[in-house]
Amino acid sequence: MKFTNMMGALLATVSLGAALAVTTPTTDAQASTKTTMASFPKKFQGTWYYYQKGHYNRYTIKAKQTSFRNFSGKKWRTGYSPVKVTPLNKKTKNVKKYQGDTVLFMSKGWLMDHPWEYYSKGIKINDPGTEGYKIVTRHYRGKKIKSLFINRVWDASNGELHLQHYYKTKAQAKAFNPTGLIEDYPD
């Protein structure tokens, strides 16, 4: 009888210890750091076209870099921006080390692309210097197609807000903006 009671007590102790081990939350020694995005999501990647004043501007998004070729002021302008990762709460404003690089983060459903040298905590859509991207659905010749909707804010105080749709083909770009206006307004 004594042996049975001791075995029962031992079994109850082991069971209680195992139950506590399973239900006790674990804590890591280091807290995780939230950082900006390391690359563009796949749905944004590819070459996108915009028709403007008889020329096709090109915007290419790769996993870790953007590049452009735009016609402006009677000549072609090109450039690119590599993606850099930084903690979301870090201020990189006026840091010259990665000047020309870009920081990616989400804000109110928009994928935000912001210059490294002007990034600071709290940047959001419609702040000066930001570019926001969304993939939207439009109708082209009776079919649904994807369009890259870009919201560029250069200087909101004087109304420099640019809304443009870029498309996967040149024909789609011209069909949606046949007159070649600088802006195409969202429908």
C-alpha atoms as a PDB file:
ATOM      1  CA  MET A   1       0.000   0.000   0.000  1.00  0.00           C
ATOM      2  CA  LYS A   2       2.828   2.379   0.866  1.00  0.00           C
ATOM      3  CA  PHE A   3       4.549   1.629  -2.414  1.00  0.00           C
ATOM      4  CA  THR A   4       1.356   2.302  -4.406  1.00  0.00           C
ATOM      5  CA  ASN A   5       0.814   5.655  -2.629  1.00  0.00           C
ATOM      6  CA  MET A   6       4.421   6.702  -3.296  1.00  0.00           C
ATOM      7  CA  MET A   7       4.119   5.766  -6.983  1.00  0.00           C
ATOM      8  CA  GLY A   8       0.813   7.687  -7.250  1.00  0.00           C
ATOM      9  CA  ALA A   9       2.374  10.777  -5.632  1.00  0.00           C
ATOM     10  CA  LEU A  10       5.404  10.526  -7.929  1.00  0.00           C
ATOM     11  CA  LEU A  11       3.165  10.181 -11.002  1.00  0.00           C
ATOM     12  CA  ALA A  12       1.063  13.187  -9.926  1.00  0.00           C
ATOM     13  CA  THR A  13       4.204  15.304  -9.384  1.00  0.00           C
ATOM     14  CA  VAL A  14       5.664  14.392 -12.779  1.00  0.00           C
ATOM     15  CA  SER A  15       2.313  15.054 -14.509  1.00  0.00           C
ATOM     16  CA  LEU A  16       1.928  18.450 -12.836  1.00  0.00           C
ATOM     17  CA  GLY A  17       5.515  19.409 -13.738  1.00  0.00           C
ATOM     18  CA  ALA A  18       4.973  18.397 -17.366  1.00  0.00           C
ATOM     19  CA  ALA A  19       1.720  20.364 -17.529  1.00  0.00           C
ATOM     20  CA  LEU A  20       3.431  23.484 -16.169  1.00  0.00           C
ATOM     21  CA  ALA A  21       6.278  23.118 -18.653  1.00  0.00           C
ATOM     22  CA  VAL A  22       3.827  22.938 -21.551  1.00  0.00           C
ATOM     23  CA  THR A  23       1.675  25.907 -20.478  1.00  0.00           C
ATOM     24  CA  THR A  24       4.425  28.228 -19.265  1.00  0.00           C
ATOM     25  CA  PRO A  25       5.272  30.831 -21.939  1.00  0.00           C
ATOM     26  CA  THR A  26       8.862  31.009 -23.059  1.00  0.00           C
ATOM     27  CA  THR A  27      10.728  34.273 -23.359  1.00  0.00           C
ATOM     28  CA  ASP A  28      13.633  34.916 -25.640  1.00  0.00           C
ATOM     29  CA  ALA A  29      16.740  36.622 -24.373  1.00  0.00           C
ATOM     30  CA  GLN A  30      16.610  39.071 -27.312  1.00  0.00           C
ATOM     31  CA  ALA A  31      13.582  40.955 -28.525  1.00  0.00           C
ATOM     32  CA  SER A  32      13.044  40.879 -32.286  1.00  0.00           C
ATOM     33  CA  THR A  33      13.830  44.093 -34.153  1.00  0.00           C
ATOM     34  CA  LYS A  34      11.291  45.265 -36.714  1.00  0.00           C
ATOM     35  CA  THR A  35      13.036  46.378 -39.869  1.00  0.00           C
ATOM     36  CA  THR A  36      12.090  47.783 -43.225  1.00  0.00           C
ATOM     37  CA  MET A  37      11.452  45.291 -46.025  1.00  0.00           C
ATOM     38  CA  ALA A  38      14.468  43.586 -47.593  1.00  0.00           C
ATOM     39  CA  SER A  39      12.972  43.322 -51.082  1.00  0.00           C
ATOM     40  CA  PHE A  40       9.967  44.165 -53.238  1.00  0.00           C
ATOM     41  CA  PRO A  41       7.118  41.614 -53.099  1.00  0.00           C
ATOM     42  CA  LYS A  42       6.876  39.537 -56.300  1.00  0.00           C
ATOM     43  CA  LYS A  43       3.558  41.032 -57.390  1.00  0.00           C
ATOM     44  CA  PHE A  44       5.287  44.417 -57.868  1.00  0.00           C
ATOM     45  CA  GLN A  45       8.308  43.065 -59.735  1.00  0.00           C
ATOM     46  CA  GLY A  46       8.665  43.410 -63.491  1.00  0.00           C
ATOM     47  CA  THR A  47       8.870  46.098 -66.146  1.00  0.00           C
ATOM     48  CA  TRP A  48       6.064  48.661 -66.185  1.00  0.00           C
ATOM     49  CA  TYR A  49       5.303  51.284 -68.874  1.00  0.00           C
ATOM     50  CA  TYR A  50       3.674  54.703 -68.870  1.00  0.00           C
ATOM     51  CA  TYR A  51       2.827  56.631 -72.058  1.00  0.00           C
ATOM     52  CA  GLN A  52       3.580  60.355 -71.926  1.00  0.00           C
ATOM     53  CA  LYS A  53       3.800  62.908 -74.745  1.00  0.00           C
ATOM     54  CA  GLY A  54       4.733  60.377 -77.444  1.00  0.00           C
ATOM     55  CA  HIS A  55       7.276  58.467 -75.332  1.00  0.00           C
ATOM     56  CA  TYR A  56       7.104  55.363 -73.172  1.00  0.00           C
ATOM     57  CA  ASN A  57       8.591  55.812 -69.720  1.00  0.00           C
ATOM     58  CA  ARG A  58       9.870  52.565 -68.237  1.00  0.00           C
ATOM     59  CA  TYR A  59       9.985  51.608 -64.572  1.00  0.00           C
ATOM     60  CA  THR A  60      11.621  48.299 -63.658  1.00  0.00           C
ATOM     61  CA  ILE A  61      11.257  46.737 -60.239  1.00  0.00           C
ATOM     62  CA  LYS A  62      13.570  43.884 -59.285  1.00  0.00           C
ATOM     63  CA  ALA A  63      13.686  42.152 -55.908  1.00  0.00           C
ATOM     64  CA  LYS A  64      16.348  44.499 -54.518  1.00  0.00           C
ATOM     65  CA  GLN A  65      16.473  47.430 -56.933  1.00  0.00           C
ATOM     66  CA  THR A  66      14.346  49.845 -58.950  1.00  0.00           C
ATOM     67  CA  SER A  67      15.395  51.532 -62.178  1.00  0.00           C
ATOM     68  CA  PHE A  68      13.771  54.009 -64.517  1.00  0.00           C
ATOM     69  CA  ARG A  69      14.074  55.487 -67.995  1.00  0.00           C
ATOM     70  CA  ASN A  70      11.968  58.623 -68.457  1.00  0.00           C
ATOM     71  CA  PHE A  71      11.761  61.215 -71.197  1.00  0.00           C
ATOM     72  CA  SER A  72      11.898  64.704 -69.724  1.00  0.00           C
ATOM     73  CA  GLY A  73      13.022  68.053 -71.075  1.00  0.00           C
ATOM     74  CA  LYS A  74      13.841  66.736 -74.585  1.00  0.00           C
ATOM     75  CA  LYS A  75      16.155  63.971 -73.337  1.00  0.00           C
ATOM     76  CA  TRP A  76      16.094  60.580 -71.682  1.00  0.00           C
ATOM     77  CA  ARG A  77      16.910  60.339 -67.974  1.00  0.00           C
ATOM     78  CA  THR A  78      17.876  57.078 -66.302  1.00  0.00           C
ATOM     79  CA  GLY A  79      18.662  55.981 -62.779  1.00  0.00           C
ATOM     80  CA  TYR A  80      18.394  53.221 -60.223  1.00  0.00           C
ATOM     81  CA  SER A  81      18.020  52.755 -56.453  1.00  0.00           C
ATOM     82  CA  PRO A  82      19.144  49.677 -54.493  1.00  0.00           C
ATOM     83  CA  VAL A  83      17.014  48.609 -51.498  1.00  0.00           C
ATOM     84  CA  LYS A  84      18.564  48.951 -48.016  1.00  0.00           C
ATOM     85  CA  VAL A  85      17.249  47.494 -44.752  1.00  0.00           C
ATOM     86  CA  THR A  86      17.120  49.549 -41.548  1.00  0.00           C
ATOM     87  CA  PRO A  87      15.232  49.283 -38.237  1.00  0.00           C
ATOM     88  CA  LEU A  88      11.828  50.979 -38.550  1.00  0.00           C
ATOM     89  CA  ASN A  89      12.505  53.286 -35.622  1.00  0.00           C
ATOM     90  CA  LYS A  90      15.957  54.375 -36.829  1.00  0.00           C
ATOM     91  CA  LYS A  91      16.376  57.851 -38.252  1.00  0.00           C
ATOM     92  CA  THR A  92      18.581  57.905 -41.369  1.00  0.00           C
ATOM     93  CA  LYS A  93      17.803  61.508 -42.248  1.00  0.00           C
ATOM     94  CA  ASN A  94      20.917  63.334 -43.486  1.00  0.00           C
ATOM     95  CA  VAL A  95      23.050  60.144 -43.370  1.00  0.00           C
ATOM     96  CA  LYS A  96      25.191  60.274 -46.526  1.00  0.00           C
ATOM     97  CA  LYS A  97      26.535  56.678 -46.469  1.00  0.00           C
ATOM     98  CA  TYR A  98      23.791  55.101 -48.623  1.00  0.00           C
ATOM     99  CA  GLN A  99      22.630  58.233 -50.444  1.00  0.00           C
ATOM    100  CA  GLY A 100      20.494  57.302 -53.456  1.00  0.00           C
ATOM    101  CA  ASP A 101      19.368  54.000 -51.942  1.00  0.00           C
ATOM    102  CA  THR A 102      15.764  53.317 -51.016  1.00  0.00           C
ATOM    103  CA  VAL A 103      13.907  52.048 -47.945  1.00  0.00           C
ATOM    104  CA  LEU A 104      10.730  49.914 -48.302  1.00  0.00           C
ATOM    105  CA  PHE A 105       7.912  49.680 -45.755  1.00  0.00           C
ATOM    106  CA  MET A 106       4.122  49.363 -45.611  1.00  0.00           C
ATOM    107  CA  SER A 107       1.826  52.302 -44.718  1.00  0.00           C
ATOM    108  CA  LYS A 108      -1.981  52.104 -44.766  1.00  0.00           C
ATOM    109  CA  GLY A 109      -2.004  49.350 -47.416  1.00  0.00           C
ATOM    110  CA  TRP A 110       0.581  51.024 -49.649  1.00  0.00           C
ATOM    111  CA  LEU A 111       4.080  49.727 -50.341  1.00  0.00           C
ATOM    112  CA  MET A 112       6.221  52.783 -49.638  1.00  0.00           C
ATOM    113  CA  ASP A 113       9.526  53.564 -51.350  1.00  0.00           C
ATOM    114  CA  HIS A 114      11.425  56.352 -49.614  1.00  0.00           C
ATOM    115  CA  PRO A 115      14.940  57.771 -50.141  1.00  0.00           C
ATOM    116  CA  TRP A 116      17.401  56.507 -47.524  1.00  0.00           C
ATOM    117  CA  GLU A 117      18.817  59.940 -46.740  1.00  0.00           C
ATOM    118  CA  TYR A 118      15.355  61.324 -45.852  1.00  0.00           C
ATOM    119  CA  TYR A 119      13.870  58.360 -43.937  1.00  0.00           C
ATOM    120  CA  SER A 120      12.745  58.838 -40.340  1.00  0.00           C
ATOM    121  CA  LYS A 121      10.284  57.137 -38.004  1.00  0.00           C
ATOM    122  CA  GLY A 122       6.682  58.012 -38.763  1.00  0.00           C
ATOM    123  CA  ILE A 123       6.997  58.549 -42.539  1.00  0.00           C
ATOM    124  CA  LYS A 124       3.680  57.652 -44.184  1.00  0.00           C
ATOM    125  CA  ILE A 125       1.760  57.915 -47.436  1.00  0.00           C
ATOM    126  CA  ASN A 126       1.437  61.490 -48.784  1.00  0.00           C
ATOM    127  CA  ASP A 127       4.499  62.792 -46.911  1.00  0.00           C
ATOM    128  CA  PRO A 128       6.807  64.814 -49.213  1.00  0.00           C
ATOM    129  CA  GLY A 129       9.378  62.632 -50.960  1.00  0.00           C
ATOM    130  CA  THR A 130       7.374  59.415 -50.719  1.00  0.00           C
ATOM    131  CA  GLU A 131       6.303  57.075 -53.480  1.00  0.00           C
ATOM    132  CA  GLY A 132       3.523  54.610 -52.755  1.00  0.00           C
ATOM    133  CA  TYR A 133       2.679  51.563 -54.866  1.00  0.00           C
ATOM    134  CA  LYS A 134      -0.454  49.454 -55.166  1.00  0.00           C
ATOM    135  CA  ILE A 135      -1.441  46.816 -57.683  1.00  0.00           C
ATOM    136  CA  VAL A 136      -4.932  47.627 -58.912  1.00  0.00           C
ATOM    137  CA  THR A 137      -7.253  45.908 -61.365  1.00  0.00           C
ATOM    138  CA  ARG A 138      -8.367  47.726 -64.513  1.00  0.00           C
ATOM    139  CA  HIS A 139     -10.330  46.598 -67.568  1.00  0.00           C
ATOM    140  CA  TYR A 140      -8.625  46.396 -70.966  1.00  0.00           C
ATOM    141  CA  ARG A 141     -10.477  45.053 -74.023  1.00  0.00           C
ATOM    142  CA  GLY A 142     -12.969  43.176 -71.862  1.00  0.00           C
ATOM    143  CA  LYS A 143     -10.330  41.555 -69.633  1.00  0.00           C
ATOM    144  CA  LYS A 144      -9.085  42.374 -66.156  1.00  0.00           C
ATOM    145  CA  ILE A 145      -5.439  43.391 -66.056  1.00  0.00           C
ATOM    146  CA  LYS A 146      -3.081  44.438 -63.282  1.00  0.00           C
ATOM    147  CA  SER A 147      -1.751  47.974 -63.151  1.00  0.00           C
ATOM    148  CA  LEU A 148       0.934  49.479 -60.942  1.00  0.00           C
ATOM    149  CA  PHE A 149      -0.664  52.547 -59.358  1.00  0.00           C
ATOM    150  CA  ILE A 150       1.957  55.027 -58.175  1.00  0.00           C
ATOM    151  CA  ASN A 151       1.277  57.898 -55.807  1.00  0.00           C
ATOM    152  CA  ARG A 152       4.265  60.286 -55.832  1.00  0.00           C
ATOM    153  CA  VAL A 153       4.446  63.233 -53.471  1.00  0.00           C
ATOM    154  CA  TRP A 154       7.187  65.708 -54.279  1.00  0.00           C
ATOM    155  CA  ASP A 155       5.861  68.711 -52.398  1.00  0.00           C
ATOM    156  CA  ALA A 156       2.344  68.434 -51.022  1.00  0.00           C
ATOM    157  CA  SER A 157       2.354  72.065 -49.855  1.00  0.00           C
ATOM    158  CA  ASN A 158       2.225  73.345 -53.439  1.00  0.00           C
ATOM    159  CA  GLY A 159       0.086  70.515 -54.820  1.00  0.00           C
ATOM    160  CA  GLU A 160       2.813  68.368 -56.380  1.00  0.00           C
ATOM    161  CA  LEU A 161       1.023  65.063 -56.018  1.00  0.00           C
ATOM    162  CA  HIS A 162       1.370  62.739 -59.015  1.00  0.00           C
ATOM    163  CA  LEU A 163      -0.956  59.798 -59.641  1.00  0.00           C
ATOM    164  CA  GLN A 164      -0.029  57.450 -62.471  1.00  0.00           C
ATOM    165  CA  HIS A 165      -0.877  53.942 -63.636  1.00  0.00           C
ATOM    166  CA  TYR A 166       1.940  51.897 -65.170  1.00  0.00           C
ATOM    167  CA  TYR A 167       1.168  48.819 -67.293  1.00  0.00           C
ATOM    168  CA  LYS A 168       2.878  45.578 -68.313  1.00  0.00           C
ATOM    169  CA  THR A 169       2.769  46.399 -72.039  1.00  0.00           C
ATOM    170  CA  LYS A 170       3.254  49.540 -74.103  1.00  0.00           C
ATOM    171  CA  ALA A 171      -0.085  48.967 -75.860  1.00  0.00           C
ATOM    172  CA  GLN A 172      -1.939  49.000 -72.528  1.00  0.00           C
ATOM    173  CA  ALA A 173      -0.077  52.154 -71.452  1.00  0.00           C
ATOM    174  CA  LYS A 174      -1.095  53.997 -74.620  1.00  0.00           C
ATOM    175  CA  ALA A 175      -4.686  52.710 -74.514  1.00  0.00           C
ATOM    176  CA  PHE A 176      -5.238  54.135 -71.016  1.00  0.00           C
ATOM    177  CA  ASN A 177      -3.508  57.468 -71.743  1.00  0.00           C
ATOM    178  CA  PRO A 178      -3.895  58.020 -75.514  1.00  0.00           C
ATOM    179  CA  THR A 179      -3.280  61.786 -75.368  1.00  0.00           C
ATOM    180  CA  GLY A 180      -0.036  61.315 -73.407  1.00  0.00           C
ATOM    181  CA  LEU A 181      -0.917  63.545 -70.479  1.00  0.00           C
ATOM    182  CA  ILE A 182       1.632  63.871 -67.665  1.00  0.00           C
ATOM    183  CA  GLU A 183      -0.989  62.608 -65.221  1.00  0.00           C
ATOM    184  CA  ASP A 184      -3.548  59.894 -65.635  1.00  0.00           C
ATOM    185  CA  TYR A 185      -6.263  60.243 -63.094  1.00  0.00           C
ATOM    186  CA  PRO A 186      -7.543  57.190 -61.251  1.00  0.00           C
ATOM    187  CA  ASP A 187     -10.947  55.947 -62.217  1.00  0.00           C
END
